[in-house]
């Protein structure tokens, strides 16, 4: 679990320190965090990873990927009953 959290922290710090250039490093950290979730079964972290995965998409201007990740985070938060998080993320999703 500590490694998963470490990867999440890294993914959250990189945009502030390196901006767009960090997109691949952010995605690598998040992919590692998702892999660790599968191994550990700590699925409660999955929606947070999806929210974080929307950031490199935003940085690179990939609105389609950003919206897809936000929708997945919203779905996961809703499924686990985290209504406050679901509402917060829902406000970021564009309805097309």
N, C-alpha and C. Protein backbone atom coordinates (compact mmCIF):
# COMPACT_ATOMS: atom_id res chain seq x y z
N UNK A 1 0.82 -1.19 0.00
CA UNK A 1 0.00 0.00 0.00
C UNK A 1 0.86 1.26 0.00
N UNK A 2 1.97 1.23 0.73
CA UNK A 2 2.84 2.40 0.79
C UNK A 2 3.38 2.75 -0.60
N UNK A 3 3.72 1.74 -1.37
CA UNK A 3 4.23 2.01 -2.73
C UNK A 3 3.14 2.61 -3.61
N UNK A 4 1.92 2.14 -3.44
CA UNK A 4 0.80 2.68 -4.20
C UNK A 4 0.62 4.17 -3.87
N UNK A 5 0.62 4.49 -2.59
CA UNK A 5 0.48 5.89 -2.17
C UNK A 5 1.66 6.72 -2.67
N UNK A 6 2.86 6.16 -2.62
CA UNK A 6 4.03 6.86 -3.13
C UNK A 6 3.91 7.21 -4.60
N UNK A 7 3.37 6.28 -5.39
CA UNK A 7 3.16 6.55 -6.81
C UNK A 7 2.10 7.61 -7.02
N UNK A 8 1.06 7.61 -6.19
CA UNK A 8 0.04 8.65 -6.29
C UNK A 8 0.61 10.02 -5.96
N UNK A 9 1.41 10.09 -4.92
CA UNK A 9 2.03 11.36 -4.55
C UNK A 9 2.94 11.86 -5.67
N UNK A 10 3.75 10.96 -6.22
CA UNK A 10 4.62 11.34 -7.33
C UNK A 10 3.81 11.89 -8.51
N UNK A 11 2.72 11.21 -8.84
CA UNK A 11 1.88 11.65 -9.96
C UNK A 11 1.25 13.00 -9.69
N UNK A 12 1.03 13.33 -8.43
CA UNK A 12 0.42 14.63 -8.09
C UNK A 12 1.44 15.75 -8.03
N UNK A 13 2.68 15.43 -7.73
CA UNK A 13 3.73 16.45 -7.62
C UNK A 13 4.32 16.79 -8.99
N UNK A 14 4.45 15.81 -9.85
CA UNK A 14 5.09 16.04 -11.15
C UNK A 14 4.47 17.16 -11.99
N UNK A 15 3.15 17.28 -12.07
CA UNK A 15 2.60 18.37 -12.88
C UNK A 15 3.01 19.75 -12.37
N UNK A 16 3.12 19.89 -11.07
CA UNK A 16 3.49 21.19 -10.49
C UNK A 16 4.97 21.50 -10.70
N UNK A 17 5.78 20.47 -10.76
CA UNK A 17 7.22 20.71 -10.88
C UNK A 17 7.73 20.65 -12.31
N UNK A 18 7.07 19.85 -13.17
CA UNK A 18 7.58 19.66 -14.52
C UNK A 18 6.57 19.95 -15.63
N UNK A 19 5.31 20.15 -15.26
CA UNK A 19 4.29 20.49 -16.25
C UNK A 19 4.07 19.41 -17.29
N UNK A 20 3.83 19.83 -18.52
CA UNK A 20 3.50 18.92 -19.62
C UNK A 20 4.58 17.87 -19.85
N UNK A 21 5.82 18.23 -19.64
CA UNK A 21 6.92 17.31 -19.87
C UNK A 21 6.84 16.07 -18.97
N UNK A 22 6.06 16.15 -17.91
CA UNK A 22 5.97 15.05 -16.96
C UNK A 22 4.87 14.05 -17.32
N UNK A 23 4.16 14.25 -18.40
CA UNK A 23 3.00 13.41 -18.72
C UNK A 23 3.32 11.93 -18.71
N UNK A 24 4.41 11.52 -19.34
CA UNK A 24 4.75 10.09 -19.38
C UNK A 24 5.12 9.56 -18.01
N UNK A 25 5.87 10.34 -17.24
CA UNK A 25 6.25 9.92 -15.89
C UNK A 25 5.01 9.81 -15.00
N UNK A 26 4.06 10.71 -15.17
CA UNK A 26 2.82 10.66 -14.41
C UNK A 26 2.06 9.39 -14.76
N UNK A 27 1.93 9.12 -16.04
CA UNK A 27 1.21 7.92 -16.48
C UNK A 27 1.89 6.66 -15.99
N UNK A 28 3.22 6.63 -15.99
CA UNK A 28 3.96 5.47 -15.47
C UNK A 28 3.68 5.25 -13.99
N UNK A 29 3.70 6.33 -13.21
CA UNK A 29 3.43 6.22 -11.77
C UNK A 29 2.01 5.74 -11.52
N UNK A 30 1.06 6.24 -12.29
CA UNK A 30 -0.33 5.83 -12.10
C UNK A 30 -0.57 4.39 -12.56
N UNK A 31 0.09 3.99 -13.64
CA UNK A 31 -0.02 2.60 -14.10
C UNK A 31 0.52 1.65 -13.03
N UNK A 32 1.62 2.03 -12.41
CA UNK A 32 2.18 1.21 -11.32
C UNK A 32 1.22 1.16 -10.14
N UNK A 33 0.61 2.28 -9.81
CA UNK A 33 -0.36 2.31 -8.71
C UNK A 33 -1.56 1.41 -9.02
N UNK A 34 -2.06 1.45 -10.25
CA UNK A 34 -3.18 0.57 -10.63
C UNK A 34 -2.79 -0.90 -10.55
N UNK A 35 -1.57 -1.21 -10.99
CA UNK A 35 -1.10 -2.59 -10.91
C UNK A 35 -1.02 -3.05 -9.46
N UNK A 36 -0.58 -2.18 -8.58
CA UNK A 36 -0.50 -2.53 -7.16
C UNK A 36 -1.89 -2.72 -6.56
N UNK A 37 -2.85 -1.96 -7.02
CA UNK A 37 -4.22 -2.12 -6.55
C UNK A 37 -4.73 -3.51 -6.92
N UNK A 38 -4.43 -3.94 -8.12
CA UNK A 38 -4.86 -5.27 -8.55
C UNK A 38 -4.23 -6.35 -7.69
N UNK A 39 -2.96 -6.18 -7.33
CA UNK A 39 -2.26 -7.17 -6.52
C UNK A 39 -2.76 -7.17 -5.08
N UNK A 40 -2.97 -5.97 -4.53
CA UNK A 40 -3.34 -5.85 -3.11
C UNK A 40 -4.84 -5.91 -2.87
N UNK A 41 -5.63 -5.62 -3.89
CA UNK A 41 -7.07 -5.58 -3.72
C UNK A 41 -7.57 -4.29 -3.09
N UNK A 42 -6.72 -3.26 -3.03
CA UNK A 42 -7.09 -1.98 -2.42
C UNK A 42 -7.87 -1.12 -3.41
N UNK A 43 -9.03 -1.62 -3.80
CA UNK A 43 -9.80 -0.97 -4.86
C UNK A 43 -10.34 0.41 -4.49
N UNK A 44 -10.34 0.72 -3.21
CA UNK A 44 -10.83 2.04 -2.81
C UNK A 44 -9.95 3.17 -3.34
N UNK A 45 -8.74 2.86 -3.75
CA UNK A 45 -7.83 3.87 -4.31
C UNK A 45 -8.05 4.09 -5.80
N UNK A 46 -8.72 3.16 -6.47
CA UNK A 46 -8.87 3.22 -7.93
C UNK A 46 -9.50 4.51 -8.44
N UNK A 47 -10.58 5.01 -7.84
CA UNK A 47 -11.15 6.24 -8.40
C UNK A 47 -10.23 7.44 -8.26
N UNK A 48 -9.43 7.48 -7.20
CA UNK A 48 -8.47 8.58 -7.04
C UNK A 48 -7.40 8.53 -8.13
N UNK A 49 -7.00 7.33 -8.49
CA UNK A 49 -6.01 7.17 -9.56
C UNK A 49 -6.61 7.66 -10.88
N UNK A 50 -7.87 7.35 -11.13
CA UNK A 50 -8.52 7.80 -12.36
C UNK A 50 -8.61 9.32 -12.42
N UNK A 51 -8.91 9.95 -11.29
CA UNK A 51 -8.93 11.41 -11.24
C UNK A 51 -7.54 11.95 -11.57
N UNK A 52 -6.53 11.34 -10.96
CA UNK A 52 -5.16 11.79 -11.22
C UNK A 52 -4.75 11.54 -12.66
N UNK A 53 -5.27 10.48 -13.27
CA UNK A 53 -4.93 10.17 -14.65
C UNK A 53 -5.51 11.20 -15.62
N UNK A 54 -6.52 11.90 -15.20
CA UNK A 54 -7.10 12.95 -16.03
C UNK A 54 -6.16 14.15 -16.15
N UNK A 55 -5.25 14.32 -15.20
CA UNK A 55 -4.36 15.48 -15.20
C UNK A 55 -3.38 15.50 -16.38
N UNK A 56 -2.64 14.42 -16.66
CA UNK A 56 -1.75 14.50 -17.83
C UNK A 56 -2.53 14.70 -19.13
N UNK A 57 -3.74 14.18 -19.19
CA UNK A 57 -4.58 14.41 -20.39
C UNK A 57 -4.92 15.89 -20.50
N UNK A 58 -5.26 16.50 -19.37
CA UNK A 58 -5.55 17.94 -19.37
C UNK A 58 -4.33 18.73 -19.79
N UNK A 59 -3.17 18.37 -19.25
CA UNK A 59 -1.93 19.08 -19.57
C UNK A 59 -1.60 19.01 -21.06
N UNK A 60 -1.90 17.87 -21.66
CA UNK A 60 -1.57 17.69 -23.08
C UNK A 60 -2.71 18.12 -24.01
N UNK A 61 -3.82 18.57 -23.43
CA UNK A 61 -4.94 19.02 -24.26
C UNK A 61 -5.83 17.90 -24.77
N UNK A 62 -5.70 16.71 -24.20
CA UNK A 62 -6.49 15.55 -24.63
C UNK A 62 -7.78 15.50 -23.80
N UNK A 63 -8.75 16.31 -24.19
CA UNK A 63 -9.99 16.42 -23.43
C UNK A 63 -10.79 15.13 -23.44
N UNK A 64 -10.72 14.37 -24.52
CA UNK A 64 -11.45 13.11 -24.61
C UNK A 64 -10.99 12.13 -23.53
N UNK A 65 -9.67 11.97 -23.40
CA UNK A 65 -9.12 11.08 -22.36
C UNK A 65 -9.42 11.62 -20.98
N UNK A 66 -9.30 12.93 -20.80
CA UNK A 66 -9.60 13.53 -19.50
C UNK A 66 -11.04 13.23 -19.09
N UNK A 67 -11.98 13.42 -19.99
CA UNK A 67 -13.38 13.17 -19.68
C UNK A 67 -13.63 11.68 -19.41
N UNK A 68 -12.99 10.80 -20.17
CA UNK A 68 -13.15 9.36 -19.96
C UNK A 68 -12.68 8.97 -18.56
N UNK A 69 -11.53 9.49 -18.15
CA UNK A 69 -11.00 9.16 -16.82
C UNK A 69 -11.88 9.73 -15.72
N UNK A 70 -12.39 10.94 -15.91
CA UNK A 70 -13.28 11.54 -14.92
C UNK A 70 -14.59 10.75 -14.81
N UNK A 71 -15.11 10.29 -15.94
CA UNK A 71 -16.34 9.49 -15.91
C UNK A 71 -16.11 8.17 -15.17
N UNK A 72 -14.96 7.56 -15.41
CA UNK A 72 -14.65 6.30 -14.72
C UNK A 72 -14.49 6.54 -13.22
N UNK A 73 -13.83 7.61 -12.85
CA UNK A 73 -13.70 7.95 -11.43
C UNK A 73 -15.08 8.17 -10.81
N UNK A 74 -15.93 8.89 -11.51
CA UNK A 74 -17.29 9.15 -11.04
C UNK A 74 -18.04 7.84 -10.85
N UNK A 75 -17.94 6.94 -11.81
CA UNK A 75 -18.61 5.64 -11.72
C UNK A 75 -18.12 4.87 -10.49
N UNK A 76 -16.81 4.85 -10.29
CA UNK A 76 -16.24 4.11 -9.16
C UNK A 76 -16.63 4.73 -7.82
N UNK A 77 -16.57 6.06 -7.73
CA UNK A 77 -16.98 6.73 -6.49
C UNK A 77 -18.45 6.44 -6.19
N UNK A 78 -19.29 6.50 -7.22
CA UNK A 78 -20.71 6.24 -7.04
C UNK A 78 -20.94 4.80 -6.57
N UNK A 79 -20.24 3.86 -7.18
CA UNK A 79 -20.39 2.44 -6.83
C UNK A 79 -20.00 2.16 -5.39
N UNK A 80 -19.03 2.91 -4.88
CA UNK A 80 -18.60 2.66 -3.50
C UNK A 80 -19.33 3.55 -2.49
N UNK A 81 -20.29 4.34 -2.97
CA UNK A 81 -21.08 5.15 -2.07
C UNK A 81 -20.41 6.43 -1.60
N UNK A 82 -19.36 6.84 -2.28
CA UNK A 82 -18.64 8.07 -1.92
C UNK A 82 -19.30 9.24 -2.65
N UNK A 83 -20.48 9.62 -2.18
CA UNK A 83 -21.30 10.60 -2.89
C UNK A 83 -20.65 11.98 -2.98
N UNK A 84 -19.94 12.40 -1.95
CA UNK A 84 -19.28 13.70 -1.99
C UNK A 84 -18.23 13.75 -3.09
N UNK A 85 -17.42 12.71 -3.17
CA UNK A 85 -16.40 12.63 -4.23
C UNK A 85 -17.08 12.55 -5.59
N UNK A 86 -18.14 11.74 -5.68
CA UNK A 86 -18.84 11.59 -6.96
C UNK A 86 -19.42 12.92 -7.42
N UNK A 87 -19.98 13.69 -6.51
CA UNK A 87 -20.53 15.00 -6.88
C UNK A 87 -19.44 15.96 -7.33
N UNK A 88 -18.32 15.94 -6.62
CA UNK A 88 -17.20 16.82 -6.99
C UNK A 88 -16.70 16.50 -8.39
N UNK A 89 -16.51 15.23 -8.68
CA UNK A 89 -16.03 14.81 -10.00
C UNK A 89 -17.10 15.03 -11.05
N UNK A 90 -18.35 14.78 -10.69
CA UNK A 90 -19.46 15.00 -11.63
C UNK A 90 -19.50 16.43 -12.14
N UNK A 91 -19.12 17.37 -11.28
CA UNK A 91 -19.13 18.78 -11.71
C UNK A 91 -18.03 19.08 -12.72
N UNK A 92 -17.04 18.20 -12.84
CA UNK A 92 -15.95 18.41 -13.80
C UNK A 92 -16.22 17.76 -15.15
N UNK A 93 -17.24 16.91 -15.19
CA UNK A 93 -17.55 16.17 -16.42
C UNK A 93 -18.45 17.02 -17.29
N UNK A 94 -18.06 17.14 -18.56
CA UNK A 94 -18.88 17.86 -19.53
C UNK A 94 -19.94 16.93 -20.07
N UNK A 95 -21.15 17.36 -20.08
CA UNK A 95 -22.20 16.54 -20.69
C UNK A 95 -22.31 16.91 -22.16
N UNK A 96 -22.08 15.94 -23.00
CA UNK A 96 -22.11 16.17 -24.45
C UNK A 96 -23.35 15.58 -25.06
